[in-house]
Amino acid sequence: MKNILITGGAGYIGTHILRELSKQDNYNITVVDNLSKGFLEPIDLIKKESKSKINFIKLDLREIEEFNKLKRKRFDIVIHLASLIVVNESNKKPLEYFENNVLGSLNLFKYMIKTKSKRILFSSTASVYSTKAKLPFKEDSPVNPENPYSESKLMVENILKWFSKAYKFNVFILRYFNPCGASSDGKIGYDNRPATHLFPCIVKGALGISKFKLTCGKVNTKDGTTIRDYFNILDLVDAHKLAVESLVKGHKGGIYNIGMGKGHSVLDIINIVKEVTGIDFKIEKGEKREGEIPEMFSDIRKFSNEFKWRPKHTLKEAVENLIKWYKNKPNGYSY
């Protein structure tokens, strides 16, 4: 029985990963979250169908004394997802982002050293790459964060690099591009309040749950809207499952891009949603976000070749699953 710790496990990505890992009966999973952004309802749903033992502990990584709740338990794998993630908000609240994302991580790593928990899977971001880097972004492309959120992620990456040398940590760093969608049955989904990501905003607009406002300014792309590497969250879950299994077997880790490997524009996504829903919904003009990078997409060959992983879920599926989710939970989780 392998002991797994998931930080931020009550959030959007965390609940999807938890659900997949809990299908196996050889994991003993501890989920920690301060519930500032996460929800208990999906944890309870997953517990009912789980083959693994799941224990939830409300814990704030910023408060070192709260780690006493873990009772010095040693974990075979730590999946570190807990993070504040909104770029625009980070520009307004840099102190809050560094305190949460960096200080919280340091406290977690101190606990890992103390308990000899030496295998970690860290969720990083493609936004650490330099806007001047050549496309597609590779793992060795230049990095140059342009906001506190991205800076905080790169800081944690660098801390882990030195910790892996000094304390013999096995470190997997997955640099996500733009995961989207929901579970295929629509029971686990996206419940950020307010919604800040493109896919849920468009789907909610199509379903009439809220107005969709186009916030990207005119950029030099095929249709004048930004291009990003959107990919289905179910493929991200598969990537985490492979990384966890590899760490259990003794893999030393590394830095890997996770995405689709190609880009789609904002208008591409709007058209996919219109096609799936059959609704020609109204698009309003929102406050433009200036300084947007026109185009970003990944080179995923490193992870793909090493782990025989390929994105197998489509963006159309992501939209279909989000529609199921919002029809099931138009107002999000209850608790």
C-alpha atoms as a PDB file:
ATOM      1  CA  MET A   1       0.000   0.000   0.000  1.00  0.00           C
ATOM      2  CA  LYS A   2       1.516   3.310  -1.130  1.00  0.00           C
ATOM      3  CA  ASN A   3       0.827   6.485   0.843  1.00  0.00           C
ATOM      4  CA  ILE A   4       0.046   9.459  -1.405  1.00  0.00           C
ATOM      5  CA  LEU A   5      -0.386  13.097  -0.363  1.00  0.00           C
ATOM      6  CA  ILE A   6      -2.287  15.472  -2.669  1.00  0.00           C
ATOM      7  CA  THR A   7      -2.077  19.170  -1.776  1.00  0.00           C
ATOM      8  CA  GLY A   8      -4.837  21.303  -3.250  1.00  0.00           C
ATOM      9  CA  GLY A   9      -6.755  18.079  -3.797  1.00  0.00           C
ATOM     10  CA  ALA A  10     -10.169  19.726  -3.435  1.00  0.00           C
ATOM     11  CA  GLY A  11      -9.618  21.968  -6.464  1.00  0.00           C
ATOM     12  CA  TYR A  12     -10.423  21.573 -10.156  1.00  0.00           C
ATOM     13  CA  ILE A  13      -7.340  19.610 -11.184  1.00  0.00           C
ATOM     14  CA  GLY A  14      -6.901  17.917  -7.812  1.00  0.00           C
ATOM     15  CA  THR A  15     -10.353  16.304  -7.768  1.00  0.00           C
ATOM     16  CA  HIS A  16      -9.914  14.905 -11.279  1.00  0.00           C
ATOM     17  CA  ILE A  17      -6.534  13.390 -10.354  1.00  0.00           C
ATOM     18  CA  LEU A  18      -7.884  12.074  -7.044  1.00  0.00           C
ATOM     19  CA  ARG A  19     -10.766  10.344  -8.773  1.00  0.00           C
ATOM     20  CA  GLU A  20      -8.477   8.543 -11.207  1.00  0.00           C
ATOM     21  CA  LEU A  21      -5.933   7.434  -8.592  1.00  0.00           C
ATOM     22  CA  SER A  22      -8.698   6.281  -6.236  1.00  0.00           C
ATOM     23  CA  LYS A  23      -9.794   3.667  -8.785  1.00  0.00           C
ATOM     24  CA  GLN A  24      -6.837   1.569  -7.614  1.00  0.00           C
ATOM     25  CA  ASP A  25      -6.885  -0.371  -4.363  1.00  0.00           C
ATOM     26  CA  ASN A  26      -3.147  -0.094  -3.612  1.00  0.00           C
ATOM     27  CA  TYR A  27      -3.131   3.596  -2.639  1.00  0.00           C
ATOM     28  CA  ASN A  28      -3.780   5.216   0.721  1.00  0.00           C
ATOM     29  CA  ILE A  29      -4.541   8.829  -0.252  1.00  0.00           C
ATOM     30  CA  THR A  30      -4.418  11.872   2.019  1.00  0.00           C
ATOM     31  CA  VAL A  31      -5.918  15.061   0.578  1.00  0.00           C
ATOM     32  CA  VAL A  32      -5.100  18.446   2.102  1.00  0.00           C
ATOM     33  CA  ASP A  33      -6.660  21.756   1.111  1.00  0.00           C
ATOM     34  CA  ASN A  34      -7.459  25.016   2.912  1.00  0.00           C
ATOM     35  CA  LEU A  35     -10.767  25.176   0.977  1.00  0.00           C
ATOM     36  CA  SER A  36     -10.216  28.794  -0.063  1.00  0.00           C
ATOM     37  CA  LYS A  37     -10.823  27.685  -3.659  1.00  0.00           C
ATOM     38  CA  GLY A  38     -11.658  23.992  -3.311  1.00  0.00           C
ATOM     39  CA  PHE A  39     -14.805  22.093  -2.319  1.00  0.00           C
ATOM     40  CA  LEU A  40     -15.641  19.107  -0.125  1.00  0.00           C
ATOM     41  CA  GLU A  41     -18.601  17.898  -2.183  1.00  0.00           C
ATOM     42  CA  PRO A  42     -16.481  16.272  -4.940  1.00  0.00           C
ATOM     43  CA  ILE A  43     -14.254  14.659  -2.286  1.00  0.00           C
ATOM     44  CA  ASP A  44     -17.325  13.061  -0.710  1.00  0.00           C
ATOM     45  CA  LEU A  45     -18.560  11.894  -4.123  1.00  0.00           C
ATOM     46  CA  ILE A  46     -15.187  10.320  -4.923  1.00  0.00           C
ATOM     47  CA  LYS A  47     -15.000   8.615  -1.517  1.00  0.00           C
ATOM     48  CA  LYS A  48     -18.250   6.767  -2.229  1.00  0.00           C
ATOM     49  CA  GLU A  49     -16.900   5.155  -5.399  1.00  0.00           C
ATOM     50  CA  SER A  50     -13.243   4.821  -4.374  1.00  0.00           C
ATOM     51  CA  LYS A  51     -11.271   1.599  -4.074  1.00  0.00           C
ATOM     52  CA  SER A  52      -8.530   3.471  -2.200  1.00  0.00           C
ATOM     53  CA  LYS A  53      -8.733   4.813   1.323  1.00  0.00           C
ATOM     54  CA  ILE A  54      -9.166   8.619   1.173  1.00  0.00           C
ATOM     55  CA  ASN A  55      -8.570  10.878   4.150  1.00  0.00           C
ATOM     56  CA  PHE A  56      -9.301  14.617   3.875  1.00  0.00           C
ATOM     57  CA  ILE A  57      -7.593  17.096   6.199  1.00  0.00           C
ATOM     58  CA  LYS A  58      -8.261  20.824   6.116  1.00  0.00           C
ATOM     59  CA  LEU A  59      -4.769  22.288   6.178  1.00  0.00           C
ATOM     60  CA  ASP A  60      -3.202  25.580   5.149  1.00  0.00           C
ATOM     61  CA  LEU A  61       0.342  25.071   3.843  1.00  0.00           C
ATOM     62  CA  ARG A  62       1.280  28.614   4.878  1.00  0.00           C
ATOM     63  CA  GLU A  63       0.897  27.699   8.568  1.00  0.00           C
ATOM     64  CA  ILE A  64       3.794  25.417   9.541  1.00  0.00           C
ATOM     65  CA  GLU A  65       2.115  24.238  12.752  1.00  0.00           C
ATOM     66  CA  GLU A  66      -0.818  22.862  10.734  1.00  0.00           C
ATOM     67  CA  PHE A  67       1.447  20.094   9.433  1.00  0.00           C
ATOM     68  CA  ASN A  68       1.094  18.516  12.883  1.00  0.00           C
ATOM     69  CA  LYS A  69      -2.282  17.287  11.602  1.00  0.00           C
ATOM     70  CA  LEU A  70      -0.355  14.866   9.364  1.00  0.00           C
ATOM     71  CA  LYS A  71       1.209  13.240  12.466  1.00  0.00           C
ATOM     72  CA  ARG A  72       4.657  12.888  10.865  1.00  0.00           C
ATOM     73  CA  LYS A  73       3.292  10.402   8.335  1.00  0.00           C
ATOM     74  CA  ARG A  74       5.758   9.448   5.608  1.00  0.00           C
ATOM     75  CA  PHE A  75       4.434   9.662   2.063  1.00  0.00           C
ATOM     76  CA  ASP A  76       5.694   7.589  -0.847  1.00  0.00           C
ATOM     77  CA  ILE A  77       4.503  10.244  -3.326  1.00  0.00           C
ATOM     78  CA  VAL A  78       3.581  13.909  -2.835  1.00  0.00           C
ATOM     79  CA  ILE A  79       1.465  15.524  -5.588  1.00  0.00           C
ATOM     80  CA  HIS A  80       1.786  19.267  -5.021  1.00  0.00           C
ATOM     81  CA  LEU A  81      -1.067  21.132  -6.703  1.00  0.00           C
ATOM     82  CA  ALA A  82      -1.977  23.748  -4.069  1.00  0.00           C
ATOM     83  CA  SER A  83      -1.554  27.173  -5.641  1.00  0.00           C
ATOM     84  CA  LEU A  84      -3.162  30.497  -6.428  1.00  0.00           C
ATOM     85  CA  ILE A  85      -3.293  30.645 -10.224  1.00  0.00           C
ATOM     86  CA  VAL A  86      -4.961  33.795 -11.605  1.00  0.00           C
ATOM     87  CA  VAL A  87      -2.422  35.858 -13.545  1.00  0.00           C
ATOM     88  CA  ASN A  88      -4.237  39.207 -13.403  1.00  0.00           C
ATOM     89  CA  GLU A  89      -4.925  38.808  -9.686  1.00  0.00           C
ATOM     90  CA  SER A  90      -1.260  38.030  -9.044  1.00  0.00           C
ATOM     91  CA  ASN A  91      -0.270  41.397 -10.518  1.00  0.00           C
ATOM     92  CA  LYS A  92      -2.523  43.104  -7.972  1.00  0.00           C
ATOM     93  CA  LYS A  93      -1.666  40.835  -5.043  1.00  0.00           C
ATOM     94  CA  PRO A  94       1.964  39.701  -5.487  1.00  0.00           C
ATOM     95  CA  LEU A  95       2.596  39.317  -1.752  1.00  0.00           C
ATOM     96  CA  GLU A  96      -0.369  36.964  -1.406  1.00  0.00           C
ATOM     97  CA  TYR A  97       0.845  34.867  -4.334  1.00  0.00           C
ATOM     98  CA  PHE A  98       4.429  34.532  -3.104  1.00  0.00           C
ATOM     99  CA  GLU A  99       3.242  33.768   0.417  1.00  0.00           C
ATOM    100  CA  ASN A 100       0.813  31.093  -0.744  1.00  0.00           C
ATOM    101  CA  ASN A 101       2.767  29.522  -3.594  1.00  0.00           C
ATOM    102  CA  VAL A 102       6.355  29.826  -2.340  1.00  0.00           C
ATOM    103  CA  LEU A 103       6.111  29.902   1.456  1.00  0.00           C
ATOM    104  CA  GLY A 104       3.475  27.161   1.390  1.00  0.00           C
ATOM    105  CA  SER A 105       5.769  25.034  -0.775  1.00  0.00           C
ATOM    106  CA  LEU A 106       8.748  25.594   1.511  1.00  0.00           C
ATOM    107  CA  ASN A 107       6.723  24.457   4.513  1.00  0.00           C
ATOM    108  CA  LEU A 108       5.674  21.348   2.597  1.00  0.00           C
ATOM    109  CA  PHE A 109       9.277  20.576   1.643  1.00  0.00           C
ATOM    110  CA  LYS A 110      10.395  20.984   5.273  1.00  0.00           C
ATOM    111  CA  TYR A 111       7.800  18.384   6.236  1.00  0.00           C
ATOM    112  CA  MET A 112       9.002  16.075   3.468  1.00  0.00           C
ATOM    113  CA  ILE A 113      12.610  16.342   4.673  1.00  0.00           C
ATOM    114  CA  LYS A 114      11.561  15.679   8.255  1.00  0.00           C
ATOM    115  CA  THR A 115       9.559  12.572   7.316  1.00  0.00           C
ATOM    116  CA  LYS A 116      11.923  11.322   4.578  1.00  0.00           C
ATOM    117  CA  SER A 117       9.186  11.714   1.947  1.00  0.00           C
ATOM    118  CA  LYS A 118      11.414  12.141  -1.091  1.00  0.00           C
ATOM    119  CA  ARG A 119       9.277  11.770  -4.225  1.00  0.00           C
ATOM    120  CA  ILE A 120       7.300  14.763  -5.472  1.00  0.00           C
ATOM    121  CA  LEU A 121       5.197  15.625  -8.505  1.00  0.00           C
ATOM    122  CA  PHE A 122       4.904  19.421  -8.841  1.00  0.00           C
ATOM    123  CA  SER A 123       2.384  21.215 -11.035  1.00  0.00           C
ATOM    124  CA  SER A 124       4.084  24.110 -12.775  1.00  0.00           C
ATOM    125  CA  THR A 125       3.009  26.245 -15.708  1.00  0.00           C
ATOM    126  CA  ALA A 126       3.913  26.981 -19.309  1.00  0.00           C
ATOM    127  CA  SER A 127       3.811  30.677 -18.445  1.00  0.00           C
ATOM    128  CA  VAL A 128       7.349  30.412 -17.041  1.00  0.00           C
ATOM    129  CA  TYR A 129       8.636  30.441 -20.630  1.00  0.00           C
ATOM    130  CA  SER A 130       9.977  33.624 -22.176  1.00  0.00           C
ATOM    131  CA  THR A 131       7.596  35.374 -24.556  1.00  0.00           C
ATOM    132  CA  LYS A 132      10.569  35.649 -26.903  1.00  0.00           C
ATOM    133  CA  ALA A 133      11.214  31.899 -26.954  1.00  0.00           C
ATOM    134  CA  LYS A 134      10.863  30.108 -30.288  1.00  0.00           C
ATOM    135  CA  LEU A 135       7.666  28.122 -30.843  1.00  0.00           C
ATOM    136  CA  PRO A 136       6.873  25.437 -29.948  1.00  0.00           C
ATOM    137  CA  PHE A 137       8.111  25.798 -26.369  1.00  0.00           C
ATOM    138  CA  LYS A 138      10.469  23.008 -25.343  1.00  0.00           C
ATOM    139  CA  GLU A 139      11.560  22.116 -21.824  1.00  0.00           C
ATOM    140  CA  ASP A 140      14.924  23.759 -22.456  1.00  0.00           C
ATOM    141  CA  SER A 141      13.441  26.922 -24.004  1.00  0.00           C
ATOM    142  CA  PRO A 142      14.394  30.193 -22.246  1.00  0.00           C
ATOM    143  CA  VAL A 143      12.311  31.080 -19.191  1.00  0.00           C
ATOM    144  CA  ASN A 144      11.334  34.591 -18.157  1.00  0.00           C
ATOM    145  CA  PRO A 145       8.167  34.937 -16.051  1.00  0.00           C
ATOM    146  CA  GLU A 146       6.238  38.160 -16.596  1.00  0.00           C
ATOM    147  CA  ASN A 147       3.876  38.093 -13.616  1.00  0.00           C
ATOM    148  CA  PRO A 148       4.034  37.097  -9.927  1.00  0.00           C
ATOM    149  CA  TYR A 149       2.091  33.877 -10.494  1.00  0.00           C
ATOM    150  CA  SER A 150       4.562  32.585 -13.091  1.00  0.00           C
ATOM    151  CA  GLU A 151       7.501  33.870 -11.054  1.00  0.00           C
ATOM    152  CA  SER A 152       6.284  31.980  -7.999  1.00  0.00           C
ATOM    153  CA  LYS A 153       6.082  28.746  -9.983  1.00  0.00           C
ATOM    154  CA  LEU A 154       9.594  29.129 -11.369  1.00  0.00           C
ATOM    155  CA  MET A 155      10.890  29.938  -7.874  1.00  0.00           C
ATOM    156  CA  VAL A 156       9.459  26.640  -6.604  1.00  0.00           C
ATOM    157  CA  GLU A 157      10.952  24.795  -9.587  1.00  0.00           C
ATOM    158  CA  ASN A 158      14.378  26.215  -8.716  1.00  0.00           C
ATOM    159  CA  ILE A 159      13.982  25.370  -5.028  1.00  0.00           C
ATOM    160  CA  LEU A 160      13.159  21.782  -5.973  1.00  0.00           C
ATOM    161  CA  LYS A 161      16.209  21.618  -8.235  1.00  0.00           C
ATOM    162  CA  TRP A 162      18.487  22.342  -5.279  1.00  0.00           C
ATOM    163  CA  PHE A 163      16.488  20.165  -2.890  1.00  0.00           C
ATOM    164  CA  SER A 164      16.806  17.225  -5.291  1.00  0.00           C
ATOM    165  CA  LYS A 165      20.592  17.553  -5.033  1.00  0.00           C
ATOM    166  CA  ALA A 166      20.868  18.216  -1.302  1.00  0.00           C
ATOM    167  CA  TYR A 167      18.135  15.908   0.005  1.00  0.00           C
ATOM    168  CA  LYS A 168      17.964  13.341  -2.826  1.00  0.00           C
ATOM    169  CA  PHE A 169      14.413  14.235  -3.815  1.00  0.00           C
ATOM    170  CA  ASN A 170      13.010  12.558  -6.948  1.00  0.00           C
ATOM    171  CA  VAL A 171      11.265  15.508  -8.622  1.00  0.00           C
ATOM    172  CA  PHE A 172       8.730  15.444 -11.456  1.00  0.00           C
ATOM    173  CA  ILE A 173       7.833  18.926 -12.738  1.00  0.00           C
ATOM    174  CA  LEU A 174       4.910  19.055 -15.158  1.00  0.00           C
ATOM    175  CA  ARG A 175       4.535  22.364 -16.976  1.00  0.00           C
ATOM    176  CA  TYR A 176       0.856  22.536 -17.893  1.00  0.00           C
ATOM    177  CA  PHE A 177      -0.357  24.510 -20.845  1.00  0.00           C
ATOM    178  CA  ASN A 178      -4.170  25.061 -20.821  1.00  0.00           C
ATOM    179  CA  PRO A 179      -6.214  22.148 -19.418  1.00  0.00           C
ATOM    180  CA  CYS A 180      -9.974  22.335 -19.917  1.00  0.00           C
ATOM    181  CA  GLY A 181     -13.150  20.291 -19.617  1.00  0.00           C
ATOM    182  CA  ALA A 182     -14.715  18.100 -16.935  1.00  0.00           C
ATOM    183  CA  SER A 183     -15.191  14.421 -16.110  1.00  0.00           C
ATOM    184  CA  SER A 184     -16.924  12.370 -18.802  1.00  0.00           C
ATOM    185  CA  ASP A 185     -19.978  11.803 -16.576  1.00  0.00           C
ATOM    186  CA  GLY A 186     -20.263  15.492 -15.673  1.00  0.00           C
ATOM    187  CA  LYS A 187     -19.990  14.848 -11.929  1.00  0.00           C
ATOM    188  CA  ILE A 188     -16.593  16.496 -11.402  1.00  0.00           C
ATOM    189  CA  GLY A 189     -16.031  19.864 -13.017  1.00  0.00           C
ATOM    190  CA  TYR A 190     -14.809  23.437 -12.959  1.00  0.00           C
ATOM    191  CA  ASP A 191     -16.121  25.610 -10.126  1.00  0.00           C
ATOM    192  CA  ASN A 192     -13.852  28.648  -9.870  1.00  0.00           C
ATOM    193  CA  ARG A 193     -15.856  31.645  -8.688  1.00  0.00           C
ATOM    194  CA  PRO A 194     -15.882  33.755 -10.739  1.00  0.00           C
ATOM    195  CA  ALA A 195     -14.849  31.657 -13.743  1.00  0.00           C
ATOM    196  CA  THR A 196     -11.522  32.922 -15.103  1.00  0.00           C
ATOM    197  CA  HIS A 197     -10.718  30.341 -17.791  1.00  0.00           C
ATOM    198  CA  LEU A 198     -11.867  30.509 -21.393  1.00  0.00           C
ATOM    199  CA  PHE A 199     -13.716  27.198 -21.829  1.00  0.00           C
ATOM    200  CA  PRO A 200     -16.073  27.481 -18.834  1.00  0.00           C
ATOM    201  CA  CYS A 201     -16.734  31.146 -19.610  1.00  0.00           C
ATOM    202  CA  ILE A 202     -17.780  30.350 -23.190  1.00  0.00           C
ATOM    203  CA  VAL A 203     -19.856  27.295 -22.228  1.00  0.00           C
ATOM    204  CA  LYS A 204     -21.660  29.244 -19.499  1.00  0.00           C
ATOM    205  CA  GLY A 205     -22.329  31.963 -22.058  1.00  0.00           C
ATOM    206  CA  ALA A 206     -23.767  29.456 -24.532  1.00  0.00           C
ATOM    207  CA  LEU A 207     -26.003  27.890 -21.869  1.00  0.00           C
ATOM    208  CA  GLY A 208     -27.229  31.296 -20.675  1.00  0.00           C
ATOM    209  CA  ILE A 209     -25.801  30.837 -17.180  1.00  0.00           C
ATOM    210  CA  SER A 210     -23.743  34.025 -17.477  1.00  0.00           C
ATOM    211  CA  LYS A 211     -22.701  36.486 -20.171  1.00  0.00           C
ATOM    212  CA  PHE A 212     -19.580  35.728 -22.167  1.00  0.00           C
ATOM    213  CA  LYS A 213     -17.277  38.692 -22.605  1.00  0.00           C
ATOM    214  CA  LEU A 214     -14.400  38.664 -25.065  1.00  0.00           C
ATOM    215  CA  THR A 215     -11.379  40.140 -23.281  1.00  0.00           C
ATOM    216  CA  CYS A 216      -8.503  39.438 -25.657  1.00  0.00           C
ATOM    217  CA  GLY A 217      -7.233  42.438 -27.588  1.00  0.00           C
ATOM    218  CA  LYS A 218      -6.363  42.378 -31.282  1.00  0.00           C
ATOM    219  CA  VAL A 219      -3.149  40.413 -31.871  1.00  0.00           C
ATOM    220  CA  ASN A 220      -1.176  39.313 -34.910  1.00  0.00           C
ATOM    221  CA  THR A 221      -2.648  35.828 -35.475  1.00  0.00           C
ATOM    222  CA  LYS A 222      -4.782  34.216 -38.184  1.00  0.00           C
ATOM    223  CA  ASP A 223      -8.027  35.636 -36.801  1.00  0.00           C
ATOM    224  CA  GLY A 224      -6.759  38.380 -34.509  1.00  0.00           C
ATOM    225  CA  THR A 225      -7.345  36.427 -31.263  1.00  0.00           C
ATOM    226  CA  THR A 226      -4.768  34.768 -29.039  1.00  0.00           C
ATOM    227  CA  ILE A 227      -3.716  31.170 -29.689  1.00  0.00           C
ATOM    228  CA  ARG A 228      -3.119  28.789 -26.786  1.00  0.00           C
ATOM    229  CA  ASP A 229      -2.368  25.108 -26.285  1.00  0.00           C
ATOM    230  CA  TYR A 230      -5.733  23.962 -24.906  1.00  0.00           C
ATOM    231  CA  PHE A 231      -6.002  20.280 -24.004  1.00  0.00           C
ATOM    232  CA  ASN A 232      -8.474  18.006 -22.271  1.00  0.00           C
ATOM    233  CA  ILE A 233      -8.068  17.669 -18.495  1.00  0.00           C
ATOM    234  CA  LEU A 234      -8.574  13.905 -18.841  1.00  0.00           C
ATOM    235  CA  ASP A 235      -5.253  13.756 -20.693  1.00  0.00           C
ATOM    236  CA  LEU A 236      -3.638  15.713 -17.855  1.00  0.00           C
ATOM    237  CA  VAL A 237      -5.009  13.127 -15.429  1.00  0.00           C
ATOM    238  CA  ASP A 238      -3.493  10.318 -17.510  1.00  0.00           C
ATOM    239  CA  ALA A 239      -0.122  12.114 -17.473  1.00  0.00           C
ATOM    240  CA  HIS A 240      -0.228  12.357 -13.672  1.00  0.00           C
ATOM    241  CA  LYS A 241      -1.139   8.696 -13.348  1.00  0.00           C
ATOM    242  CA  LEU A 242       1.884   7.715 -15.450  1.00  0.00           C
ATOM    243  CA  ALA A 243       4.179  10.043 -13.496  1.00  0.00           C
ATOM    244  CA  VAL A 244       2.986   8.640 -10.153  1.00  0.00           C
ATOM    245  CA  GLU A 245       3.484   5.055 -11.316  1.00  0.00           C
ATOM    246  CA  SER A 246       6.969   5.940 -12.561  1.00  0.00           C
ATOM    247  CA  LEU A 247       7.946   7.597  -9.276  1.00  0.00           C
ATOM    248  CA  VAL A 248       6.760   4.522  -7.370  1.00  0.00           C
ATOM    249  CA  LYS A 249       9.093   2.438  -9.558  1.00  0.00           C
ATOM    250  CA  GLY A 250      12.045   4.727  -8.788  1.00  0.00           C
ATOM    251  CA  HIS A 251      12.045   7.214 -11.682  1.00  0.00           C
ATOM    252  CA  LYS A 252      14.284  10.189 -10.865  1.00  0.00           C
ATOM    253  CA  GLY A 253      11.904  12.702 -12.453  1.00  0.00           C
ATOM    254  CA  GLY A 254      12.547  15.698 -14.691  1.00  0.00           C
ATOM    255  CA  ILE A 255      10.779  18.646 -16.339  1.00  0.00           C
ATOM    256  CA  TYR A 256       8.057  17.846 -18.872  1.00  0.00           C
ATOM    257  CA  ASN A 257       5.573  19.841 -20.952  1.00  0.00           C
ATOM    258  CA  ILE A 258       1.963  18.644 -20.895  1.00  0.00           C
ATOM    259  CA  GLY A 259      -0.396  19.943 -23.578  1.00  0.00           C
ATOM    260  CA  MET A 260      -1.926  19.155 -26.963  1.00  0.00           C
ATOM    261  CA  GLY A 261       1.185  20.097 -28.896  1.00  0.00           C
ATOM    262  CA  LYS A 262      -0.672  22.588 -31.088  1.00  0.00           C
ATOM    263  CA  GLY A 263      -2.606  25.802 -30.653  1.00  0.00           C
ATOM    264  CA  HIS A 264      -6.218  26.935 -31.029  1.00  0.00           C
ATOM    265  CA  SER A 265      -7.413  30.527 -31.119  1.00  0.00           C
ATOM    266  CA  VAL A 266     -10.152  32.014 -28.964  1.00  0.00           C
ATOM    267  CA  LEU A 267     -12.426  32.141 -32.013  1.00  0.00           C
ATOM    268  CA  ASP A 268     -11.649  28.471 -32.728  1.00  0.00           C
ATOM    269  CA  ILE A 269     -12.944  27.591 -29.252  1.00  0.00           C
ATOM    270  CA  ILE A 270     -16.013  29.801 -29.618  1.00  0.00           C
ATOM    271  CA  ASN A 271     -16.828  28.002 -32.869  1.00  0.00           C
ATOM    272  CA  ILE A 272     -16.369  24.563 -31.266  1.00  0.00           C
ATOM    273  CA  VAL A 273     -18.808  25.539 -28.496  1.00  0.00           C
ATOM    274  CA  LYS A 274     -21.300  26.873 -31.038  1.00  0.00           C
ATOM    275  CA  GLU A 275     -21.011  23.657 -33.047  1.00  0.00           C
ATOM    276  CA  VAL A 276     -21.520  21.381 -30.028  1.00  0.00           C
ATOM    277  CA  THR A 277     -24.384  23.379 -28.503  1.00  0.00           C
ATOM    278  CA  GLY A 278     -26.056  24.483 -31.723  1.00  0.00           C
ATOM    279  CA  ILE A 279     -26.455  27.911 -30.099  1.00  0.00           C
ATOM    280  CA  ASP A 280     -25.285  31.126 -31.756  1.00  0.00           C
ATOM    281  CA  PHE A 281     -24.888  32.962 -28.452  1.00  0.00           C
ATOM    282  CA  LYS A 282     -24.140  36.641 -27.989  1.00  0.00           C
ATOM    283  CA  ILE A 283     -20.546  37.718 -27.415  1.00  0.00           C
ATOM    284  CA  GLU A 284     -19.999  40.936 -25.480  1.00  0.00           C
ATOM    285  CA  LYS A 285     -16.844  43.019 -25.389  1.00  0.00           C
ATOM    286  CA  GLY A 286     -15.125  42.893 -22.009  1.00  0.00           C
ATOM    287  CA  GLU A 287     -12.216  44.851 -20.603  1.00  0.00           C
ATOM    288  CA  LYS A 288      -9.270  44.050 -22.841  1.00  0.00           C
ATOM    289  CA  ARG A 289      -6.247  42.377 -21.325  1.00  0.00           C
ATOM    290  CA  GLU A 290      -3.249  44.198 -22.690  1.00  0.00           C
ATOM    291  CA  GLY A 291       0.191  42.721 -23.320  1.00  0.00           C
ATOM    292  CA  GLU A 292      -1.118  39.282 -24.269  1.00  0.00           C
ATOM    293  CA  ILE A 293       1.342  36.901 -25.944  1.00  0.00           C
ATOM    294  CA  PRO A 294      -0.158  36.283 -29.417  1.00  0.00           C
ATOM    295  CA  GLU A 295       0.667  32.570 -29.590  1.00  0.00           C
ATOM    296  CA  MET A 296       1.807  29.805 -27.232  1.00  0.00           C
ATOM    297  CA  PHE A 297       1.929  26.071 -27.749  1.00  0.00           C
ATOM    298  CA  SER A 298       4.059  23.179 -26.588  1.00  0.00           C
ATOM    299  CA  ASP A 299       6.474  20.578 -27.794  1.00  0.00           C
ATOM    300  CA  ILE A 300       5.278  17.506 -25.876  1.00  0.00           C
ATOM    301  CA  ARG A 301       7.622  14.958 -27.431  1.00  0.00           C
ATOM    302  CA  LYS A 302       9.779  14.502 -24.321  1.00  0.00           C
ATOM    303  CA  PHE A 303       6.966  13.194 -22.101  1.00  0.00           C
ATOM    304  CA  SER A 304       5.185  11.574 -25.027  1.00  0.00           C
ATOM    305  CA  ASN A 305       8.184   9.538 -26.156  1.00  0.00           C
ATOM    306  CA  GLU A 306       9.401   8.558 -22.707  1.00  0.00           C
ATOM    307  CA  PHE A 307       6.032   7.461 -21.322  1.00  0.00           C
ATOM    308  CA  LYS A 308       4.191   6.418 -24.516  1.00  0.00           C
ATOM    309  CA  TRP A 309       1.579   9.077 -23.757  1.00  0.00           C
ATOM    310  CA  ARG A 310      -0.502  10.877 -26.356  1.00  0.00           C
ATOM    311  CA  PRO A 311      -3.426  13.280 -25.911  1.00  0.00           C
ATOM    312  CA  LYS A 312      -6.414  11.090 -26.790  1.00  0.00           C
ATOM    313  CA  HIS A 313      -9.329  13.264 -25.646  1.00  0.00           C
ATOM    314  CA  THR A 314     -10.547  16.047 -27.928  1.00  0.00           C
ATOM    315  CA  LEU A 315     -11.512  19.655 -27.238  1.00  0.00           C
ATOM    316  CA  LYS A 316     -14.987  18.814 -28.490  1.00  0.00           C
ATOM    317  CA  GLU A 317     -15.202  16.199 -25.717  1.00  0.00           C
ATOM    318  CA  ALA A 318     -14.036  18.841 -23.231  1.00  0.00           C
ATOM    319  CA  VAL A 319     -16.940  21.077 -24.288  1.00  0.00           C
ATOM    320  CA  GLU A 320     -19.428  18.189 -24.162  1.00  0.00           C
ATOM    321  CA  ASN A 321     -18.254  17.261 -20.657  1.00  0.00           C
ATOM    322  CA  LEU A 322     -18.452  20.858 -19.462  1.00  0.00           C
ATOM    323  CA  ILE A 323     -22.021  21.053 -20.768  1.00  0.00           C
ATOM    324  CA  LYS A 324     -22.881  17.926 -18.738  1.00  0.00           C
ATOM    325  CA  TRP A 325     -21.222  19.490 -15.698  1.00  0.00           C
ATOM    326  CA  TYR A 326     -23.034  22.826 -15.927  1.00  0.00           C
ATOM    327  CA  LYS A 327     -26.382  21.137 -16.596  1.00  0.00           C
ATOM    328  CA  ASN A 328     -25.741  18.984 -13.543  1.00  0.00           C
ATOM    329  CA  LYS A 329     -24.366  21.836 -11.401  1.00  0.00           C
ATOM    330  CA  PRO A 330     -25.339  25.212 -12.946  1.00  0.00           C
ATOM    331  CA  ASN A 331     -24.478  26.947  -9.683  1.00  0.00           C
ATOM    332  CA  GLY A 332     -21.419  24.835  -8.950  1.00  0.00           C
ATOM    333  CA  TYR A 333     -20.803  22.649  -5.915  1.00  0.00           C
ATOM    334  CA  SER A 334     -23.010  23.065  -2.845  1.00  0.00           C
ATOM    335  CA  TYR A 335     -20.181  22.846  -0.298  1.00  0.00           C
END
